[in-house]
Protein backbone atom coordinates (compact mmCIF):
# COMPACT_ATOMS: atom_id res chain seq x y z
CA MET A 1 41.80 59.81 -94.71
CA GLU A 2 41.43 60.11 -91.26
CA THR A 3 39.57 63.46 -90.97
CA LEU A 4 39.35 65.88 -87.84
CA ILE A 5 36.23 67.82 -86.93
CA VAL A 6 37.18 71.43 -84.93
CA ASP A 7 34.91 73.55 -82.66
CA ALA A 8 37.15 76.28 -83.45
CA TYR A 9 36.48 78.67 -80.12
CA ASN A 10 37.01 75.63 -78.19
CA ILE A 11 40.39 75.83 -79.22
CA ILE A 12 40.89 79.74 -79.43
CA ASN A 13 39.48 80.05 -75.50
CA PHE A 14 41.29 76.81 -74.42
CA TRP A 15 44.94 77.60 -76.21
CA ASP A 16 47.25 80.43 -74.81
CA LYS A 17 48.42 81.41 -77.89
CA THR A 18 45.32 82.43 -78.83
CA SER A 19 42.80 83.09 -75.71
CA LYS A 20 44.49 86.15 -74.37
CA LEU A 21 43.91 88.06 -78.22
CA ILE A 22 40.32 87.22 -78.16
CA ASP A 23 38.93 90.30 -77.03
CA SER A 24 42.12 92.43 -78.33
CA ASP A 25 42.00 91.05 -81.97
CA LEU A 26 40.26 88.04 -82.69
CA ASP A 27 40.31 87.53 -86.53
CA TYR A 28 44.57 87.11 -85.77
CA ALA A 29 43.56 84.76 -82.77
CA ARG A 30 41.42 83.22 -85.45
CA ASP A 31 44.67 83.49 -87.95
CA ILE A 32 47.11 81.59 -86.16
CA LEU A 33 44.79 78.81 -85.14
CA ASN A 34 43.89 78.39 -88.93
CA HIS A 35 47.88 78.28 -90.07
CA THR A 36 48.94 76.07 -87.38
CA LEU A 37 45.91 73.77 -88.12
CA GLN A 38 47.21 73.92 -91.60
CA ASN A 39 50.77 73.07 -90.43
CA TYR A 40 49.21 70.04 -88.19
CA ALA A 41 47.04 68.75 -90.87
CA SER A 42 50.66 68.95 -93.52
CA TYR A 43 52.46 67.17 -90.65
CA LYS A 44 50.03 64.39 -90.15
CA GLY A 45 48.57 63.72 -93.32
CA ILE A 46 44.44 64.22 -92.28
CA GLU A 47 41.77 66.65 -93.00
CA ILE A 48 40.69 68.93 -90.89
CA LEU A 49 37.63 70.80 -91.07
CA VAL A 50 37.40 73.88 -89.03
CA ILE A 51 33.64 75.03 -87.48
CA TYR A 52 33.27 78.48 -85.91
CA ASP A 53 30.26 80.08 -84.63
CA ALA A 54 28.69 83.00 -87.35
CA TYR A 55 30.52 85.22 -84.57
CA LYS A 56 29.57 89.10 -84.92
CA THR A 57 28.02 88.82 -87.72
CA ASP A 58 24.68 88.70 -90.04
CA SER A 59 25.39 86.16 -92.39
CA ILE A 60 22.22 84.13 -93.47
CA LYS A 61 24.03 81.63 -94.84
CA SER A 62 27.07 79.63 -93.67
CA LYS A 63 30.52 80.52 -95.57
CA GLU A 64 33.10 77.98 -96.16
CA GLU A 65 36.46 78.56 -97.71
CA LYS A 66 39.61 76.57 -98.44
CA TYR A 67 42.77 77.06 -95.99
CA GLU A 68 45.39 75.05 -97.96
CA ASN A 69 44.57 71.08 -97.18
CA ILE A 70 41.75 72.71 -94.50
CA LYS A 71 38.17 73.81 -94.65
CA ILE A 72 36.98 76.13 -92.92
CA VAL A 73 33.49 76.77 -91.87
CA TYR A 74 31.36 79.82 -90.84
CA THR A 75 28.01 79.02 -89.09
CA LYS A 76 24.87 80.76 -90.59
CA LYS A 77 23.75 83.88 -87.96
CA GLY A 78 21.65 81.87 -85.15
CA GLN A 79 23.79 78.81 -85.93
CA THR A 80 26.14 77.24 -83.32
CA ALA A 81 29.55 75.68 -84.27
CA ASP A 82 27.55 72.08 -82.27
CA SER A 83 24.91 72.20 -84.05
CA TYR A 84 26.89 72.53 -87.41
CA ILE A 85 29.26 69.99 -85.97
CA GLU A 86 26.03 67.48 -84.63
CA GLU A 87 24.52 67.77 -88.39
CA LEU A 88 28.04 66.63 -89.57
CA ILE A 89 27.92 63.66 -86.54
CA PHE A 90 24.74 62.64 -88.06
CA ASP A 91 26.29 62.82 -91.71
CA MET A 92 29.42 61.24 -90.87
CA LYS A 93 28.01 58.36 -87.82
CA ASN A 94 30.25 55.02 -88.11
CA GLN A 95 32.62 56.22 -90.69
CA GLU A 96 36.20 55.41 -89.75
CA ASN A 97 38.42 58.11 -88.75
CA ILE A 98 37.05 60.93 -87.94
CA SER A 99 37.47 62.67 -84.98
CA VAL A 100 35.45 65.88 -83.63
CA VAL A 101 37.51 68.17 -81.19
CA SER A 102 35.81 69.72 -78.15
CA SER A 103 34.86 70.42 -74.68
CA ASP A 104 31.68 70.61 -74.89
CA TRP A 105 30.86 67.88 -72.95
CA ALA A 106 26.98 67.17 -74.88
CA LEU A 107 28.95 67.24 -77.64
CA GLN A 108 30.72 64.49 -77.08
CA GLN A 109 28.71 62.51 -75.83
CA MET A 110 27.02 62.61 -78.99
CA VAL A 111 30.28 61.78 -81.12
CA LEU A 112 30.78 58.88 -78.76
CA SER A 113 27.06 57.97 -79.29
CA GLY A 114 27.35 58.45 -83.31
CA GLY A 115 30.76 55.68 -83.17
CA LEU A 116 33.23 58.74 -83.62
CA LEU A 117 36.06 59.53 -81.53
CA ARG A 118 36.60 62.58 -79.69
CA ILE A 119 39.20 64.72 -79.14
CA PRO A 120 39.44 67.17 -75.91
CA ALA A 121 40.69 70.51 -76.76
CA SER A 122 43.60 70.10 -74.08
CA GLU A 123 44.75 66.69 -76.34
CA LEU A 124 44.94 68.44 -79.09
CA ILE A 125 46.70 71.78 -77.98
CA TYR A 126 49.16 69.19 -76.53
CA ASP A 127 49.84 67.15 -79.65
CA ILE A 128 50.40 70.36 -81.27
CA SER A 129 52.94 71.71 -78.68
CA ARG A 130 54.68 68.52 -79.11
CA ILE A 131 54.66 68.03 -83.27
CA GLU A 132 55.91 71.75 -82.88
CA LYS A 133 58.23 71.00 -80.47
CA GLN A 134 59.94 68.09 -82.34
CA ILE A 135 60.05 70.36 -85.74
CA SER A 136 61.88 72.71 -83.84
CA ASN A 137 64.62 70.63 -82.16
CA LYS A 138 65.28 68.35 -85.60
CA TYR A 139 65.49 71.98 -87.22
CA ASP A 140 68.00 73.05 -84.49
CA SER A 141 69.76 70.14 -84.58
CA LYS A 142 70.51 69.94 -88.04
CA LYS A 143 71.20 73.66 -88.25
CA SER A 144 73.95 72.97 -85.25
CA ASN A 145 75.57 70.29 -87.48
CA ASP A 146 75.97 72.83 -90.26
CA ASN A 147 77.90 75.13 -88.36
CA LEU A 148 80.70 72.84 -87.02
CA VAL A 149 83.85 72.97 -88.76
CA TYR A 150 85.15 69.36 -90.36
CA ALA A 151 88.16 68.01 -90.92
CA ASN A 152 87.08 66.95 -94.65
CA ASP A 153 84.32 67.37 -96.97
CA ALA A 154 84.05 63.78 -97.34
CA PHE A 155 83.33 63.31 -93.36
CA LYS A 156 81.05 66.52 -93.74
CA ASP A 157 78.56 64.69 -96.25
CA LYS A 158 79.20 61.14 -94.89
CA LEU A 159 78.19 63.00 -91.88
CA LYS A 160 74.69 64.56 -93.81
CA ASP A 161 74.09 61.35 -95.00
CA LEU A 162 73.44 59.50 -91.56
CA ASN A 163 71.23 62.15 -90.42
CA LYS A 164 68.89 61.88 -92.87
């Protein structure tokens, strides 16, 4: 199964949907990202590891949570998401279907040298937006077809079968 490792604050800081919340409601920005990545993982059929720095915490140990089909990691105090991801890269080196999402240049170079795939934050955000638009268009199309008046029920059923 494909695994995506995400440097969470890279996405939160870069993405319009969450960047405006950083100063006012960081927890909500995290919730938006986690929920979006959970939907993304379900749609793509992949596993996602979301890594957060131990930001504004005194936690000595790292903390892991399972959120639907994604795993969320909060690093221990003083450990950056980059250093945690570097450890993962070392452990997963040369495995297939592992990608790391980060805009950090040094981390991207380490990802490449470890034989893994790198994805810039902008590319992940673009892919998420593209998929959300596809789903929305599909839903809107189906919804508009349900509101049409048909000559008879048999025709309506055949049309629905064609749209499946």
